[in-house]
PDB file of N, CA and C in Angstrom:
ATOM      1  N   UNK A   1       0.675  -1.373   0.205  1.00  0.00           N
ATOM      2  CA  UNK A   1      -0.080  -0.009  -0.111  1.00  0.00           C
ATOM      3  C   UNK A   1       1.206   1.265  -0.093  1.00  0.00           C
ATOM      4  N   UNK A   2       0.369   2.241  -0.738  1.00  0.00           N
ATOM      5  CA  UNK A   2       1.463   3.678  -0.617  1.00  0.00           C
ATOM      6  C   UNK A   2       0.819   4.819  -0.283  1.00  0.00           C
ATOM      7  N   UNK A   3       0.962   5.943   0.752  1.00  0.00           N
ATOM      8  CA  UNK A   3       0.419   6.453   1.200  1.00  0.00           C
ATOM      9  C   UNK A   3       0.903   7.506   0.362  1.00  0.00           C
ATOM     10  N   UNK A   4       0.040   8.782   0.188  1.00  0.00           N
ATOM     11  CA  UNK A   4       0.708   9.897  -0.653  1.00  0.00           C
ATOM     12  C   UNK A   4       0.182  11.461   0.906  1.00  0.00           C
ATOM     13  N   UNK A   5       1.712  12.305   0.303  1.00  0.00           N
ATOM     14  CA  UNK A   5       1.754  13.420   1.703  1.00  0.00           C
ATOM     15  C   UNK A   5       1.003  14.015   1.044  1.00  0.00           C
ATOM     16  N   UNK A   6       0.989  15.323   1.008  1.00  0.00           N
ATOM     17  CA  UNK A   6      -0.294  16.451   0.257  1.00  0.00           C
ATOM     18  C   UNK A   6       0.474  17.231   0.865  1.00  0.00           C
ATOM     19  N   UNK A   7       0.775  18.288   0.729  1.00  0.00           N
ATOM     20  CA  UNK A   7       0.631  19.621   1.326  1.00  0.00           C
ATOM     21  C   UNK A   7      -0.214  20.878  -0.063  1.00  0.00           C
ATOM     22  N   UNK A   8      -0.356  20.849   0.171  1.00  0.00           N
ATOM     23  CA  UNK A   8      -1.462  21.873  -0.927  1.00  0.00           C
ATOM     24  C   UNK A   8      -0.617  23.504  -1.034  1.00  0.00           C
ATOM     25  N   UNK A   9      -0.803  23.734   0.139  1.00  0.00           N
ATOM     26  CA  UNK A   9      -0.110  25.500   0.397  1.00  0.00           C
ATOM     27  C   UNK A   9       1.360  25.084  -0.472  1.00  0.00           C
ATOM     28  N   UNK A  10       1.879  24.390  -0.219  1.00  0.00           N
ATOM     29  CA  UNK A  10       3.421  23.957  -0.986  1.00  0.00           C
ATOM     30  C   UNK A  10       3.611  23.574  -2.255  1.00  0.00           C
ATOM     31  N   UNK A  11       2.549  23.156  -2.766  1.00  0.00           N
ATOM     32  CA  UNK A  11       2.599  22.363  -3.938  1.00  0.00           C
ATOM     33  C   UNK A  11       3.219  21.219  -3.683  1.00  0.00           C
ATOM     34  N   UNK A  12       3.315  20.647  -2.148  1.00  0.00           N
ATOM     35  CA  UNK A  12       4.081  18.847  -2.380  1.00  0.00           C
ATOM     36  C   UNK A  12       3.250  17.740  -2.672  1.00  0.00           C
ATOM     37  N   UNK A  13       3.946  16.772  -3.453  1.00  0.00           N
ATOM     38  CA  UNK A  13       2.610  15.717  -3.570  1.00  0.00           C
ATOM     39  C   UNK A  13       3.768  14.473  -3.950  1.00  0.00           C
ATOM     40  N   UNK A  14       4.257  13.679  -2.747  1.00  0.00           N
ATOM     41  CA  UNK A  14       4.766  12.861  -3.250  1.00  0.00           C
ATOM     42  C   UNK A  14       4.340  11.378  -2.077  1.00  0.00           C
ATOM     43  N   UNK A  15       5.109   9.999  -2.578  1.00  0.00           N
ATOM     44  CA  UNK A  15       4.643   9.180  -2.223  1.00  0.00           C
ATOM     45  C   UNK A  15       5.890   8.884  -0.975  1.00  0.00           C
ATOM     46  N   UNK A  16       4.859   8.325   0.229  1.00  0.00           N
ATOM     47  CA  UNK A  16       5.404   7.724   1.495  1.00  0.00           C
ATOM     48  C   UNK A  16       5.575   6.282   1.918  1.00  0.00           C
ATOM     49  N   UNK A  17       6.652   6.108   2.330  1.00  0.00           N
ATOM     50  CA  UNK A  17       6.389   4.418   3.385  1.00  0.00           C
ATOM     51  C   UNK A  17       5.165   4.134   3.701  1.00  0.00           C
ATOM     52  N   UNK A  18       4.849   3.463   4.591  1.00  0.00           N
ATOM     53  CA  UNK A  18       3.644   2.774   5.620  1.00  0.00           C
ATOM     54  C   UNK A  18       3.900   3.480   6.697  1.00  0.00           C
ATOM     55  N   UNK A  19       5.209   3.739   6.639  1.00  0.00           N
ATOM     56  CA  UNK A  19       6.298   4.909   8.132  1.00  0.00           C
ATOM     57  C   UNK A  19       7.014   5.406   8.049  1.00  0.00           C
ATOM     58  N   UNK A  20       6.275   6.713   8.195  1.00  0.00           N
ATOM     59  CA  UNK A  20       7.105   7.033   7.795  1.00  0.00           C
ATOM     60  C   UNK A  20       7.934   8.448   9.158  1.00  0.00           C
ATOM     61  N   UNK A  21       9.299   8.434   9.102  1.00  0.00           N
ATOM     62  CA  UNK A  21      10.120   8.878  10.258  1.00  0.00           C
ATOM     63  C   UNK A  21      10.740  10.238   9.155  1.00  0.00           C
ATOM     64  N   UNK A  22      10.721  11.420  10.638  1.00  0.00           N
ATOM     65  CA  UNK A  22      11.182  12.966  10.838  1.00  0.00           C
ATOM     66  C   UNK A  22      11.710  12.386  11.437  1.00  0.00           C
ATOM     67  N   UNK A  23      12.408  13.775  11.557  1.00  0.00           N
ATOM     68  CA  UNK A  23      13.353  14.298  12.004  1.00  0.00           C
ATOM     69  C   UNK A  23      13.615  16.276  12.622  1.00  0.00           C
ATOM     70  N   UNK A  24      13.950  15.716  13.735  1.00  0.00           N
ATOM     71  CA  UNK A  24      13.716  17.348  14.502  1.00  0.00           C
ATOM     72  C   UNK A  24      15.127  17.260  15.240  1.00  0.00           C
ATOM     73  N   UNK A  25      15.586  18.528  13.717  1.00  0.00           N
ATOM     74  CA  UNK A  25      16.796  18.932  14.172  1.00  0.00           C
ATOM     75  C   UNK A  25      16.811  20.543  15.053  1.00  0.00           C
ATOM     76  N   UNK A  26      18.231  20.883  16.044  1.00  0.00           N
ATOM     77  CA  UNK A  26      18.047  21.878  17.060  1.00  0.00           C
ATOM     78  C   UNK A  26      19.077  22.399  16.613  1.00  0.00           C
ATOM     79  N   UNK A  27      18.681  24.182  16.780  1.00  0.00           N
ATOM     80  CA  UNK A  27      20.548  24.613  16.586  1.00  0.00           C
ATOM     81  C   UNK A  27      19.841  25.694  17.283  1.00  0.00           C
ATOM     82  N   UNK A  28      21.197  26.221  18.082  1.00  0.00           N
ATOM     83  CA  UNK A  28      20.471  27.340  19.173  1.00  0.00           C
ATOM     84  C   UNK A  28      20.854  28.852  18.804  1.00  0.00           C
ATOM     85  N   UNK A  29      19.751  29.259  18.492  1.00  0.00           N
ATOM     86  CA  UNK A  29      18.804  30.342  18.215  1.00  0.00           C
ATOM     87  C   UNK A  29      19.213  32.256  19.234  1.00  0.00           C
ATOM     88  N   UNK A  30      19.196  33.226  19.158  1.00  0.00           N
ATOM     89  CA  UNK A  30      19.835  33.911  20.168  1.00  0.00           C
ATOM     90  C   UNK A  30      19.312  34.032  21.230  1.00  0.00           C
ATOM     91  N   UNK A  31      19.799  35.281  22.112  1.00  0.00           N
ATOM     92  CA  UNK A  31      19.445  35.208  23.476  1.00  0.00           C
ATOM     93  C   UNK A  31      19.041  33.734  23.928  1.00  0.00           C
ATOM     94  N   UNK A  32      19.554  32.979  23.655  1.00  0.00           N
ATOM     95  CA  UNK A  32      19.345  31.627  24.582  1.00  0.00           C
ATOM     96  C   UNK A  32      18.767  30.744  23.966  1.00  0.00           C
ATOM     97  N   UNK A  33      17.274  31.153  23.214  1.00  0.00           N
ATOM     98  CA  UNK A  33      16.370  30.238  22.390  1.00  0.00           C
ATOM     99  C   UNK A  33      17.251  28.639  21.614  1.00  0.00           C
ATOM    100  N   UNK A  34      16.330  27.884  21.416  1.00  0.00           N
ATOM    101  CA  UNK A  34      16.280  27.093  20.964  1.00  0.00           C
ATOM    102  C   UNK A  34      15.514  26.732  19.614  1.00  0.00           C
ATOM    103  N   UNK A  35      16.694  26.553  18.346  1.00  0.00           N
ATOM    104  CA  UNK A  35      15.527  26.896  17.321  1.00  0.00           C
ATOM    105  C   UNK A  35      15.210  25.159  16.796  1.00  0.00           C
ATOM    106  N   UNK A  36      13.941  24.624  16.407  1.00  0.00           N
ATOM    107  CA  UNK A  36      14.349  23.644  16.172  1.00  0.00           C
ATOM    108  C   UNK A  36      13.625  23.749  14.745  1.00  0.00           C
ATOM    109  N   UNK A  37      13.370  22.657  14.223  1.00  0.00           N
ATOM    110  CA  UNK A  37      12.545  22.601  12.565  1.00  0.00           C
ATOM    111  C   UNK A  37      12.334  20.401  11.978  1.00  0.00           C
ATOM    112  N   UNK A  38      11.883  20.742  11.222  1.00  0.00           N
ATOM    113  CA  UNK A  38      11.969  18.836  10.487  1.00  0.00           C
ATOM    114  C   UNK A  38      11.937  19.449   9.019  1.00  0.00           C
ATOM    115  N   UNK A  39      13.123  19.140   9.179  1.00  0.00           N
ATOM    116  CA  UNK A  39      13.710  19.159   7.572  1.00  0.00           C
ATOM    117  C   UNK A  39      12.909  18.298   6.210  1.00  0.00           C
ATOM    118  N   UNK A  40      12.429  17.396   6.660  1.00  0.00           N
ATOM    119  CA  UNK A  40      11.762  16.860   5.405  1.00  0.00           C
ATOM    120  C   UNK A  40      10.605  17.200   5.262  1.00  0.00           C
ATOM    121  N   UNK A  41       9.819  18.313   5.853  1.00  0.00           N
ATOM    122  CA  UNK A  41       7.998  18.947   5.249  1.00  0.00           C
ATOM    123  C   UNK A  41       8.909  20.859   5.351  1.00  0.00           C
ATOM    124  N   UNK A  42       9.041  21.482   4.628  1.00  0.00           N
ATOM    125  CA  UNK A  42       9.309  22.364   4.062  1.00  0.00           C
ATOM    126  C   UNK A  42       9.035  23.212   5.146  1.00  0.00           C
ATOM    127  N   UNK A  43       9.499  24.063   5.904  1.00  0.00           N
ATOM    128  CA  UNK A  43       8.448  25.371   6.901  1.00  0.00           C
ATOM    129  C   UNK A  43       8.250  25.287   7.498  1.00  0.00           C
ATOM    130  N   UNK A  44       8.643  23.829   8.672  1.00  0.00           N
ATOM    131  CA  UNK A  44       7.797  23.294  10.068  1.00  0.00           C
ATOM    132  C   UNK A  44       9.017  23.347  10.098  1.00  0.00           C
ATOM    133  N   UNK A  45       8.766  24.804  11.282  1.00  0.00           N
ATOM    134  CA  UNK A  45       9.582  25.510  12.399  1.00  0.00           C
ATOM    135  C   UNK A  45       9.608  26.024  13.139  1.00  0.00           C
ATOM    136  N   UNK A  46      10.000  26.044  14.580  1.00  0.00           N
ATOM    137  CA  UNK A  46       9.815  26.731  15.783  1.00  0.00           C
ATOM    138  C   UNK A  46      10.326  27.379  16.244  1.00  0.00           C
ATOM    139  N   UNK A  47      10.359  27.509  17.501  1.00  0.00           N
ATOM    140  CA  UNK A  47      11.988  27.785  18.799  1.00  0.00           C
ATOM    141  C   UNK A  47      10.815  27.435  20.252  1.00  0.00           C
ATOM    142  N   UNK A  48      11.681  27.887  21.316  1.00  0.00           N
ATOM    143  CA  UNK A  48      11.633  27.565  22.475  1.00  0.00           C
ATOM    144  C   UNK A  48      12.865  28.459  23.032  1.00  0.00           C
ATOM    145  N   UNK A  49      12.161  28.432  24.511  1.00  0.00           N
ATOM    146  CA  UNK A  49      13.312  28.654  25.704  1.00  0.00           C
ATOM    147  C   UNK A  49      14.509  27.343  26.153  1.00  0.00           C
ATOM    148  N   UNK A  50      13.512  25.888  25.778  1.00  0.00           N
ATOM    149  CA  UNK A  50      14.034  24.950  26.297  1.00  0.00           C
ATOM    150  C   UNK A  50      14.049  23.988  25.017  1.00  0.00           C
ATOM    151  N   UNK A  51      14.884  22.683  25.179  1.00  0.00           N
ATOM    152  CA  UNK A  51      14.758  21.839  23.864  1.00  0.00           C
ATOM    153  C   UNK A  51      13.553  21.445  24.180  1.00  0.00           C
ATOM    154  N   UNK A  52      12.313  21.104  25.465  1.00  0.00           N
ATOM    155  CA  UNK A  52      11.842  20.845  24.888  1.00  0.00           C
ATOM    156  C   UNK A  52      10.484  20.841  24.588  1.00  0.00           C
ATOM    157  N   UNK A  53      10.606  22.341  24.967  1.00  0.00           N
ATOM    158  CA  UNK A  53       9.732  23.479  24.682  1.00  0.00           C
ATOM    159  C   UNK A  53       9.824  24.099  23.062  1.00  0.00           C
ATOM    160  N   UNK A  54      10.982  23.603  22.245  1.00  0.00           N
ATOM    161  CA  UNK A  54      10.831  23.773  21.080  1.00  0.00           C
ATOM    162  C   UNK A  54      10.987  22.011  19.974  1.00  0.00           C
ATOM    163  N   UNK A  55      10.516  21.525  20.479  1.00  0.00           N
ATOM    164  CA  UNK A  55      10.008  20.489  20.647  1.00  0.00           C
ATOM    165  C   UNK A  55       8.878  20.285  20.540  1.00  0.00           C
ATOM    166  N   UNK A  56       7.941  20.683  21.548  1.00  0.00           N
ATOM    167  CA  UNK A  56       6.974  20.557  21.573  1.00  0.00           C
ATOM    168  C   UNK A  56       6.001  21.601  20.483  1.00  0.00           C
ATOM    169  N   UNK A  57       6.909  22.829  20.244  1.00  0.00           N
ATOM    170  CA  UNK A  57       6.424  23.827  18.997  1.00  0.00           C
ATOM    171  C   UNK A  57       6.150  23.486  18.208  1.00  0.00           C
ATOM    172  N   UNK A  58       7.766  22.825  17.577  1.00  0.00           N
ATOM    173  CA  UNK A  58       7.716  21.875  16.111  1.00  0.00           C
ATOM    174  C   UNK A  58       6.886  20.900  15.872  1.00  0.00           C
ATOM    175  N   UNK A  59       6.235  20.154  16.711  1.00  0.00           N
ATOM    176  CA  UNK A  59       4.882  19.110  16.342  1.00  0.00           C
ATOM    177  C   UNK A  59       3.952  19.770  16.195  1.00  0.00           C
ATOM    178  N   UNK A  60       3.681  21.347  17.282  1.00  0.00           N
ATOM    179  CA  UNK A  60       2.240  21.910  16.820  1.00  0.00           C
ATOM    180  C   UNK A  60       2.391  22.562  15.675  1.00  0.00           C
ATOM    181  N   UNK A  61       3.899  23.045  15.381  1.00  0.00           N
ATOM    182  CA  UNK A  61       3.778  23.863  13.362  1.00  0.00           C
ATOM    183  C   UNK A  61       3.521  22.466  12.870  1.00  0.00           C
ATOM    184  N   UNK A  62       4.006  21.212  13.139  1.00  0.00           N
ATOM    185  CA  UNK A  62       4.389  20.137  11.941  1.00  0.00           C
ATOM    186  C   UNK A  62       2.813  19.624  11.912  1.00  0.00           C
ATOM    187  N   UNK A  63       1.939  19.786  12.894  1.00  0.00           N
ATOM    188  CA  UNK A  63       0.297  19.259  13.490  1.00  0.00           C
ATOM    189  C   UNK A  63      -0.390  20.599  12.018  1.00  0.00           C
ATOM    190  N   UNK A  64      -0.278  21.696  12.610  1.00  0.00           N
ATOM    191  CA  UNK A  64      -0.918  22.748  11.566  1.00  0.00           C
ATOM    192  C   UNK A  64      -0.286  23.260  10.174  1.00  0.00           C
ATOM    193  N   UNK A  65       0.725  22.464   9.675  1.00  0.00           N
ATOM    194  CA  UNK A  65       1.022  22.725   8.193  1.00  0.00           C
ATOM    195  C   UNK A  65       0.493  21.319   7.716  1.00  0.00           C
ATOM    196  N   UNK A  66       0.107  20.154   8.364  1.00  0.00           N
ATOM    197  CA  UNK A  66      -0.668  19.251   7.894  1.00  0.00           C
ATOM    198  C   UNK A  66      -1.709  18.765   8.439  1.00  0.00           C
ATOM    199  N   UNK A  67      -2.197  20.270   8.592  1.00  0.00           N
ATOM    200  CA  UNK A  67      -3.791  20.264   8.786  1.00  0.00           C
ATOM    201  C   UNK A  67      -5.235  20.607   7.721  1.00  0.00           C
ATOM    202  N   UNK A  68      -5.920  19.661   7.265  1.00  0.00           N
ATOM    203  CA  UNK A  68      -6.725  19.730   6.431  1.00  0.00           C
ATOM    204  C   UNK A  68      -6.982  20.660   6.379  1.00  0.00           C
ATOM    205  N   UNK A  69      -7.341  21.232   4.534  1.00  0.00           N
ATOM    206  CA  UNK A  69      -7.239  21.979   4.192  1.00  0.00           C
ATOM    207  C   UNK A  69      -8.607  22.521   4.478  1.00  0.00           C
ATOM    208  N   UNK A  70      -9.892  23.683   4.042  1.00  0.00           N
ATOM    209  CA  UNK A  70     -11.250  23.357   4.342  1.00  0.00           C
ATOM    210  C   UNK A  70     -11.662  23.436   3.239  1.00  0.00           C
ATOM    211  N   UNK A  71     -12.853  22.409   2.824  1.00  0.00           N
ATOM    212  CA  UNK A  71     -13.272  22.424   1.940  1.00  0.00           C
ATOM    213  C   UNK A  71     -13.884  23.550   1.066  1.00  0.00           C
ATOM    214  N   UNK A  72     -14.319  23.781   0.228  1.00  0.00           N
ATOM    215  CA  UNK A  72     -15.274  24.750   0.183  1.00  0.00           C
ATOM    216  C   UNK A  72     -16.831  24.739  -0.534  1.00  0.00           C
ATOM    217  N   UNK A  73     -17.883  25.147  -0.427  1.00  0.00           N
ATOM    218  CA  UNK A  73     -19.007  25.197  -0.789  1.00  0.00           C
ATOM    219  C   UNK A  73     -19.138  24.048  -2.219  1.00  0.00           C
ATOM    220  N   UNK A  74     -18.454  24.743  -3.074  1.00  0.00           N
ATOM    221  CA  UNK A  74     -18.534  24.186  -4.060  1.00  0.00           C
ATOM    222  C   UNK A  74     -17.218  23.282  -4.315  1.00  0.00           C
ATOM    223  N   UNK A  75     -16.775  22.493  -3.524  1.00  0.00           N
ATOM    224  CA  UNK A  75     -15.268  22.001  -3.782  1.00  0.00           C
ATOM    225  C   UNK A  75     -15.729  20.514  -4.056  1.00  0.00           C
ATOM    226  N   UNK A  76     -15.431  19.938  -4.664  1.00  0.00           N
ATOM    227  CA  UNK A  76     -15.591  18.194  -5.365  1.00  0.00           C
ATOM    228  C   UNK A  76     -14.709  18.099  -5.282  1.00  0.00           C
ATOM    229  N   UNK A  77     -13.696  17.978  -4.948  1.00  0.00           N
ATOM    230  CA  UNK A  77     -13.142  17.397  -4.266  1.00  0.00           C
ATOM    231  C   UNK A  77     -13.184  16.240  -3.808  1.00  0.00           C
ATOM    232  N   UNK A  78     -12.607  15.034  -3.893  1.00  0.00           N
ATOM    233  CA  UNK A  78     -12.663  13.181  -3.286  1.00  0.00           C
ATOM    234  C   UNK A  78     -11.780  13.741  -2.102  1.00  0.00           C
ATOM    235  N   UNK A  79     -12.259  12.998  -0.813  1.00  0.00           N
ATOM    236  CA  UNK A  79     -11.171  13.263   0.409  1.00  0.00           C
ATOM    237  C   UNK A  79     -11.184  11.671   0.645  1.00  0.00           C
ATOM    238  N   UNK A  80      -9.851  11.252   1.209  1.00  0.00           N
ATOM    239  CA  UNK A  80      -9.831  10.471   2.314  1.00  0.00           C
ATOM    240  C   UNK A  80      -9.095  10.752   3.248  1.00  0.00           C
ATOM    241  N   UNK A  81     -10.069  10.594   4.475  1.00  0.00           N
ATOM    242  CA  UNK A  81      -9.387  10.257   6.264  1.00  0.00           C
ATOM    243  C   UNK A  81      -7.856   9.925   6.160  1.00  0.00           C
ATOM    244  N   UNK A  82      -6.507  10.436   6.867  1.00  0.00           N
ATOM    245  CA  UNK A  82      -5.824   9.674   7.017  1.00  0.00           C
ATOM    246  C   UNK A  82      -5.052  10.197   8.078  1.00  0.00           C
ATOM    247  N   UNK A  83      -5.490   8.905   9.234  1.00  0.00           N
ATOM    248  CA  UNK A  83      -4.939   8.941  10.454  1.00  0.00           C
ATOM    249  C   UNK A  83      -3.216   9.005  10.231  1.00  0.00           C
ATOM    250  N   UNK A  84      -2.640  10.316  11.313  1.00  0.00           N
ATOM    251  CA  UNK A  84      -1.279  10.582  11.773  1.00  0.00           C
ATOM    252  C   UNK A  84      -0.830  10.295  12.902  1.00  0.00           C
ATOM    253  N   UNK A  85      -0.274   9.507  13.340  1.00  0.00           N
ATOM    254  CA  UNK A  85       0.154   9.242  14.795  1.00  0.00           C
ATOM    255  C   UNK A  85       1.549  10.238  15.311  1.00  0.00           C
ATOM    256  N   UNK A  86       1.860  10.864  15.909  1.00  0.00           N
ATOM    257  CA  UNK A  86       3.392  11.745  15.750  1.00  0.00           C
ATOM    258  C   UNK A  86       3.472  10.942  17.381  1.00  0.00           C
ATOM    259  N   UNK A  87       4.523   9.762  16.834  1.00  0.00           N
ATOM    260  CA  UNK A  87       4.946   9.658  18.498  1.00  0.00           C
ATOM    261  C   UNK A  87       7.111   9.323  18.661  1.00  0.00           C
ATOM    262  N   UNK A  88       7.188   9.645  19.915  1.00  0.00           N
ATOM    263  CA  UNK A  88       8.969   9.547  20.311  1.00  0.00           C
ATOM    264  C   UNK A  88       9.146   8.251  20.879  1.00  0.00           C
TER     265      UNK A  88
END
């Protein structure tokens, strides 16, 4: 079975394995902040005062990026729900 990852806002469409492994990258920011990003998904990054806070914030950013776009009244595209669980 193939799963498709679609991020309409970014025009990304790709086939992914049944298991999707992502990496959180941490970098030092200004004034002691920690910058976190997920390079496998363009545009997913955040920051926090601690590594734990940065991790929680970047996971929230990932959820937001992968949230379904609202369908309009005249949207006739077929949709299928995909359940993605984030676990560490």
